[in-house]
Amino acid sequence: MTSVRETRRHTPHDVYDVQSPSRALLDLLASKWSALAIGALEAGPLRFGELRRRLPGVSPKVLTQALRRLQEHGIVERVVYPAVPLHVEYSLTDLGESAAVPLAALRGWVERNAGRSSPA
């Protein structure tokens, strides 16, 4: 029996296309700390220390890297307020708020189903 494989044309932003720039964004959003940081920022702007307290287990270095990548992709905005000491807040952009919707659904699914999975 011969199987017929249909050739699928990829659109410029198709995440299945190895050349697609969408893969970098998918990689970023699929990161645990990025997804959790976006969720923590859904309630509004947070300072770095506040964000870190909401994400137990993340090191300052890893959180900084995640926030920088989120900022580079236009998902998070970093605002520096001129004060002594310096006051920096992170908040979601419009793009970040739109990403928060499916990520919230994913977090909810994970919380409901975590007990049903078994580690490899």
N, C-alpha and C. Protein backbone atom coordinates (compact mmCIF):
# COMPACT_ATOMS: atom_id res chain seq x y z
N MET A 1 0.84 -1.17 0.00
CA MET A 1 0.00 0.00 0.00
C MET A 1 0.89 1.24 0.00
N THR A 2 0.58 2.15 -0.85
CA THR A 2 1.35 3.38 -0.98
C THR A 2 0.61 4.51 -0.30
N SER A 3 1.32 5.24 0.52
CA SER A 3 0.68 6.40 1.16
C SER A 3 1.00 7.64 0.35
N VAL A 4 0.05 8.51 0.31
CA VAL A 4 0.20 9.76 -0.43
C VAL A 4 0.42 10.86 0.59
N ARG A 5 1.50 11.56 0.42
CA ARG A 5 1.81 12.66 1.34
C ARG A 5 1.52 13.97 0.64
N GLU A 6 0.68 14.73 1.25
CA GLU A 6 0.31 16.01 0.66
C GLU A 6 1.38 17.04 1.00
N THR A 7 1.84 17.76 0.01
CA THR A 7 2.81 18.82 0.23
C THR A 7 2.06 20.07 0.65
N ARG A 8 2.49 20.61 1.76
CA ARG A 8 1.83 21.79 2.30
C ARG A 8 2.72 23.00 2.10
N ARG A 9 2.17 24.05 1.57
CA ARG A 9 2.93 25.28 1.42
C ARG A 9 2.86 26.05 2.72
N HIS A 10 3.99 26.57 3.11
CA HIS A 10 4.06 27.33 4.35
C HIS A 10 3.84 28.82 4.09
N THR A 11 3.10 29.46 4.97
CA THR A 11 2.95 30.90 4.91
C THR A 11 4.18 31.53 5.55
N PRO A 12 4.43 32.81 5.35
CA PRO A 12 5.64 33.42 5.91
C PRO A 12 5.75 33.32 7.44
N HIS A 13 4.64 33.20 8.12
CA HIS A 13 4.68 33.14 9.59
C HIS A 13 4.25 31.79 10.14
N ASP A 14 4.30 30.76 9.32
CA ASP A 14 3.93 29.42 9.72
C ASP A 14 4.99 28.86 10.67
N VAL A 15 4.61 28.52 11.88
CA VAL A 15 5.58 28.03 12.87
C VAL A 15 6.17 26.68 12.49
N TYR A 16 5.55 25.98 11.56
CA TYR A 16 6.10 24.70 11.11
C TYR A 16 7.19 24.87 10.05
N ASP A 17 7.32 26.07 9.53
CA ASP A 17 8.36 26.36 8.55
C ASP A 17 9.65 26.67 9.30
N VAL A 18 10.68 25.89 9.01
CA VAL A 18 11.95 26.04 9.72
C VAL A 18 12.56 27.43 9.55
N GLN A 19 12.23 28.12 8.48
CA GLN A 19 12.77 29.45 8.21
C GLN A 19 11.93 30.58 8.83
N SER A 20 10.80 30.24 9.42
CA SER A 20 9.86 31.25 9.89
C SER A 20 10.37 32.01 11.12
N PRO A 21 10.24 33.35 11.10
CA PRO A 21 10.59 34.12 12.29
C PRO A 21 9.62 33.88 13.45
N SER A 22 8.50 33.24 13.16
CA SER A 22 7.52 32.93 14.20
C SER A 22 8.08 31.96 15.22
N ARG A 23 9.04 31.16 14.82
CA ARG A 23 9.60 30.17 15.75
C ARG A 23 10.26 30.82 16.96
N ALA A 24 10.91 31.95 16.78
CA ALA A 24 11.54 32.64 17.91
C ALA A 24 10.48 33.10 18.90
N LEU A 25 9.37 33.61 18.39
CA LEU A 25 8.29 34.05 19.26
C LEU A 25 7.65 32.87 19.97
N LEU A 26 7.45 31.77 19.26
CA LEU A 26 6.89 30.57 19.89
C LEU A 26 7.82 30.05 20.97
N ASP A 27 9.11 30.03 20.69
CA ASP A 27 10.10 29.59 21.67
C ASP A 27 10.04 30.46 22.92
N LEU A 28 9.92 31.76 22.74
CA LEU A 28 9.84 32.68 23.87
C LEU A 28 8.59 32.43 24.71
N LEU A 29 7.44 32.32 24.06
CA LEU A 29 6.19 32.15 24.79
C LEU A 29 6.06 30.76 25.41
N ALA A 30 6.75 29.77 24.84
CA ALA A 30 6.71 28.42 25.39
C ALA A 30 7.64 28.26 26.59
N SER A 31 8.46 29.26 26.86
CA SER A 31 9.35 29.23 28.02
C SER A 31 8.53 29.38 29.30
N LYS A 32 8.81 28.51 30.25
CA LYS A 32 8.08 28.53 31.52
C LYS A 32 8.13 29.91 32.18
N TRP A 33 9.30 30.49 32.29
CA TRP A 33 9.42 31.76 33.01
C TRP A 33 8.79 32.91 32.25
N SER A 34 8.85 32.88 30.94
CA SER A 34 8.18 33.92 30.15
C SER A 34 6.67 33.83 30.34
N ALA A 35 6.14 32.62 30.23
CA ALA A 35 4.69 32.42 30.38
C ALA A 35 4.22 32.83 31.77
N LEU A 36 5.00 32.49 32.79
CA LEU A 36 4.61 32.85 34.16
C LEU A 36 4.76 34.36 34.41
N ALA A 37 5.79 34.97 33.84
CA ALA A 37 5.97 36.42 34.00
C ALA A 37 4.81 37.17 33.35
N ILE A 38 4.41 36.73 32.17
CA ILE A 38 3.27 37.36 31.49
C ILE A 38 2.03 37.22 32.36
N GLY A 39 1.81 36.04 32.93
CA GLY A 39 0.66 35.84 33.81
C GLY A 39 0.70 36.73 35.04
N ALA A 40 1.88 36.88 35.62
CA ALA A 40 2.01 37.74 36.80
C ALA A 40 1.74 39.20 36.47
N LEU A 41 2.09 39.61 35.26
CA LEU A 41 1.91 41.01 34.86
C LEU A 41 0.49 41.32 34.38
N GLU A 42 -0.36 40.30 34.28
CA GLU A 42 -1.74 40.53 33.86
C GLU A 42 -2.48 41.47 34.82
N ALA A 43 -2.13 41.43 36.08
CA ALA A 43 -2.81 42.26 37.09
C ALA A 43 -2.35 43.71 37.05
N GLY A 44 -1.26 43.99 36.33
CA GLY A 44 -0.76 45.36 36.24
C GLY A 44 0.73 45.42 36.41
N PRO A 45 1.30 46.62 36.31
CA PRO A 45 2.75 46.79 36.38
C PRO A 45 3.33 46.30 37.70
N LEU A 46 4.54 45.76 37.61
CA LEU A 46 5.25 45.29 38.80
C LEU A 46 6.72 45.69 38.72
N ARG A 47 7.29 45.94 39.88
CA ARG A 47 8.73 46.15 39.96
C ARG A 47 9.40 44.78 39.92
N PHE A 48 10.69 44.77 39.65
CA PHE A 48 11.43 43.52 39.50
C PHE A 48 11.30 42.65 40.75
N GLY A 49 11.49 43.23 41.92
CA GLY A 49 11.41 42.47 43.17
C GLY A 49 10.02 41.87 43.39
N GLU A 50 8.99 42.65 43.06
CA GLU A 50 7.61 42.15 43.20
C GLU A 50 7.37 40.99 42.25
N LEU A 51 7.86 41.13 41.04
CA LEU A 51 7.70 40.08 40.04
C LEU A 51 8.44 38.82 40.49
N ARG A 52 9.62 38.99 41.01
CA ARG A 52 10.40 37.84 41.48
C ARG A 52 9.71 37.12 42.63
N ARG A 53 9.09 37.87 43.53
CA ARG A 53 8.36 37.25 44.65
C ARG A 53 7.14 36.46 44.16
N ARG A 54 6.55 36.91 43.06
CA ARG A 54 5.40 36.19 42.48
C ARG A 54 5.82 34.93 41.73
N LEU A 55 7.12 34.81 41.45
CA LEU A 55 7.63 33.67 40.69
C LEU A 55 8.68 32.93 41.50
N PRO A 56 8.27 32.27 42.58
CA PRO A 56 9.26 31.55 43.40
C PRO A 56 10.02 30.52 42.58
N GLY A 57 11.31 30.46 42.80
CA GLY A 57 12.14 29.48 42.10
C GLY A 57 12.94 30.06 40.95
N VAL A 58 12.59 31.25 40.49
CA VAL A 58 13.35 31.86 39.39
C VAL A 58 14.52 32.65 39.97
N SER A 59 15.66 32.50 39.34
CA SER A 59 16.83 33.28 39.78
C SER A 59 16.74 34.68 39.17
N PRO A 60 17.39 35.66 39.79
CA PRO A 60 17.39 37.00 39.21
C PRO A 60 17.93 37.02 37.78
N LYS A 61 18.96 36.23 37.51
CA LYS A 61 19.56 36.19 36.17
C LYS A 61 18.56 35.67 35.14
N VAL A 62 17.88 34.58 35.44
CA VAL A 62 16.93 33.98 34.50
C VAL A 62 15.73 34.90 34.28
N LEU A 63 15.25 35.53 35.35
CA LEU A 63 14.13 36.46 35.21
C LEU A 63 14.54 37.67 34.37
N THR A 64 15.72 38.19 34.60
CA THR A 64 16.22 39.32 33.80
C THR A 64 16.31 38.94 32.33
N GLN A 65 16.82 37.76 32.03
CA GLN A 65 16.92 37.30 30.64
C GLN A 65 15.54 37.17 30.00
N ALA A 66 14.59 36.60 30.74
CA ALA A 66 13.23 36.44 30.21
C ALA A 66 12.60 37.80 29.94
N LEU A 67 12.75 38.73 30.89
CA LEU A 67 12.16 40.06 30.72
C LEU A 67 12.78 40.80 29.55
N ARG A 68 14.09 40.66 29.37
CA ARG A 68 14.76 41.32 28.23
C ARG A 68 14.24 40.77 26.91
N ARG A 69 14.10 39.46 26.82
CA ARG A 69 13.59 38.85 25.58
C ARG A 69 12.15 39.28 25.33
N LEU A 70 11.33 39.31 26.38
CA LEU A 70 9.94 39.74 26.23
C LEU A 70 9.89 41.20 25.77
N GLN A 71 10.79 42.00 26.30
CA GLN A 71 10.86 43.41 25.91
C GLN A 71 11.31 43.55 24.45
N GLU A 72 12.30 42.77 24.05
CA GLU A 72 12.79 42.82 22.66
C GLU A 72 11.70 42.46 21.66
N HIS A 73 10.79 41.58 22.05
CA HIS A 73 9.70 41.15 21.17
C HIS A 73 8.46 42.02 21.29
N GLY A 74 8.54 43.07 22.12
CA GLY A 74 7.41 43.99 22.25
C GLY A 74 6.26 43.47 23.08
N ILE A 75 6.52 42.51 23.95
CA ILE A 75 5.48 41.92 24.79
C ILE A 75 5.43 42.60 26.16
N VAL A 76 6.58 43.02 26.62
CA VAL A 76 6.69 43.69 27.92
C VAL A 76 7.34 45.05 27.72
N GLU A 77 6.86 46.01 28.47
CA GLU A 77 7.46 47.35 28.46
C GLU A 77 8.17 47.57 29.79
N ARG A 78 9.35 48.15 29.71
CA ARG A 78 10.15 48.48 30.90
C ARG A 78 10.19 49.99 31.00
N VAL A 79 9.71 50.51 32.13
CA VAL A 79 9.70 51.96 32.33
C VAL A 79 10.59 52.29 33.53
N VAL A 80 11.52 53.20 33.31
CA VAL A 80 12.42 53.64 34.38
C VAL A 80 11.96 55.00 34.85
N TYR A 81 11.68 55.11 36.15
CA TYR A 81 11.27 56.37 36.74
C TYR A 81 12.48 56.99 37.43
N PRO A 82 12.80 58.24 37.09
CA PRO A 82 13.97 58.88 37.69
C PRO A 82 13.73 59.21 39.16
N ALA A 83 14.25 58.38 40.00
CA ALA A 83 14.12 58.58 41.44
C ALA A 83 15.37 57.98 42.08
N VAL A 84 15.57 58.28 43.34
CA VAL A 84 16.67 57.68 44.09
C VAL A 84 16.05 56.88 45.22
N PRO A 85 16.20 55.56 45.22
CA PRO A 85 16.86 54.75 44.20
C PRO A 85 15.98 54.65 42.94
N LEU A 86 16.60 54.19 41.86
CA LEU A 86 15.90 54.05 40.58
C LEU A 86 14.65 53.19 40.75
N HIS A 87 13.59 53.57 40.10
CA HIS A 87 12.31 52.83 40.16
C HIS A 87 12.02 52.32 38.76
N VAL A 88 11.99 50.99 38.60
CA VAL A 88 11.74 50.37 37.30
C VAL A 88 10.50 49.50 37.41
N GLU A 89 9.60 49.67 36.46
CA GLU A 89 8.39 48.85 36.42
C GLU A 89 8.28 48.13 35.08
N TYR A 90 7.72 46.94 35.14
CA TYR A 90 7.46 46.14 33.94
C TYR A 90 5.95 46.01 33.79
N SER A 91 5.49 46.11 32.55
CA SER A 91 4.06 45.96 32.28
C SER A 91 3.89 45.32 30.91
N LEU A 92 2.71 44.78 30.68
CA LEU A 92 2.40 44.18 29.38
C LEU A 92 2.03 45.27 28.38
N THR A 93 2.49 45.09 27.17
CA THR A 93 2.06 45.95 26.06
C THR A 93 0.73 45.39 25.55
N ASP A 94 0.15 46.02 24.56
CA ASP A 94 -1.07 45.47 23.95
C ASP A 94 -0.81 44.08 23.39
N LEU A 95 0.36 43.91 22.77
CA LEU A 95 0.72 42.60 22.25
C LEU A 95 0.85 41.58 23.38
N GLY A 96 1.44 42.01 24.49
CA GLY A 96 1.57 41.14 25.65
C GLY A 96 0.23 40.76 26.25
N GLU A 97 -0.69 41.71 26.28
CA GLU A 97 -2.03 41.41 26.79
C GLU A 97 -2.74 40.41 25.89
N SER A 98 -2.51 40.51 24.59
CA SER A 98 -3.14 39.53 23.69
C SER A 98 -2.50 38.15 23.85
N ALA A 99 -1.21 38.09 24.14
CA ALA A 99 -0.55 36.81 24.39
C ALA A 99 -0.98 36.21 25.72
N ALA A 100 -1.36 37.06 26.67
CA ALA A 100 -1.76 36.58 28.00
C ALA A 100 -3.03 35.73 27.95
N VAL A 101 -3.90 35.99 27.00
CA VAL A 101 -5.17 35.26 26.91
C VAL A 101 -4.95 33.77 26.66
N PRO A 102 -4.26 33.36 25.58
CA PRO A 102 -4.06 31.92 25.39
C PRO A 102 -3.13 31.31 26.44
N LEU A 103 -2.19 32.11 26.97
CA LEU A 103 -1.31 31.57 28.02
C LEU A 103 -2.08 31.31 29.30
N ALA A 104 -3.07 32.14 29.62
CA ALA A 104 -3.91 31.91 30.79
C ALA A 104 -4.70 30.62 30.61
N ALA A 105 -5.20 30.40 29.41
CA ALA A 105 -5.93 29.15 29.13
C ALA A 105 -5.00 27.95 29.29
N LEU A 106 -3.77 28.07 28.81
CA LEU A 106 -2.81 26.98 28.94
C LEU A 106 -2.48 26.71 30.41
N ARG A 107 -2.24 27.78 31.19
CA ARG A 107 -1.96 27.59 32.62
C ARG A 107 -3.13 26.91 33.32
N GLY A 108 -4.35 27.31 32.98
CA GLY A 108 -5.53 26.69 33.57
C GLY A 108 -5.62 25.21 33.22
N TRP A 109 -5.36 24.89 31.96
CA TRP A 109 -5.38 23.49 31.53
C TRP A 109 -4.33 22.69 32.29
N VAL A 110 -3.13 23.24 32.44
CA VAL A 110 -2.05 22.56 33.15
C VAL A 110 -2.46 22.31 34.60
N GLU A 111 -3.02 23.30 35.27
CA GLU A 111 -3.43 23.13 36.66
C GLU A 111 -4.51 22.07 36.81
N ARG A 112 -5.43 22.00 35.85
CA ARG A 112 -6.52 21.01 35.92
C ARG A 112 -6.01 19.60 35.60
N ASN A 113 -4.96 19.48 34.81
CA ASN A 113 -4.56 18.17 34.31
C ASN A 113 -3.19 17.68 34.77
N ALA A 114 -2.50 18.44 35.57
CA ALA A 114 -1.14 18.05 35.99
C ALA A 114 -1.13 16.69 36.68
N GLY A 115 -2.14 16.37 37.45
CA GLY A 115 -2.19 15.10 38.15
C GLY A 115 -2.43 13.91 37.24
N ARG A 116 -2.86 14.18 36.02
CA ARG A 116 -3.17 13.10 35.08
C ARG A 116 -1.97 12.68 34.24
N SER A 117 -0.93 13.50 34.24
CA SER A 117 0.23 13.17 33.41
C SER A 117 1.24 12.39 34.26
N SER A 118 2.13 11.70 33.60
CA SER A 118 3.19 10.99 34.32
C SER A 118 4.52 11.37 33.70
N PRO A 119 5.51 11.66 34.55
CA PRO A 119 6.82 12.06 34.02
C PRO A 119 7.47 10.92 33.25
N ALA A 120 8.29 11.30 32.29
CA ALA A 120 8.96 10.31 31.44
C ALA A 120 10.02 9.54 32.20
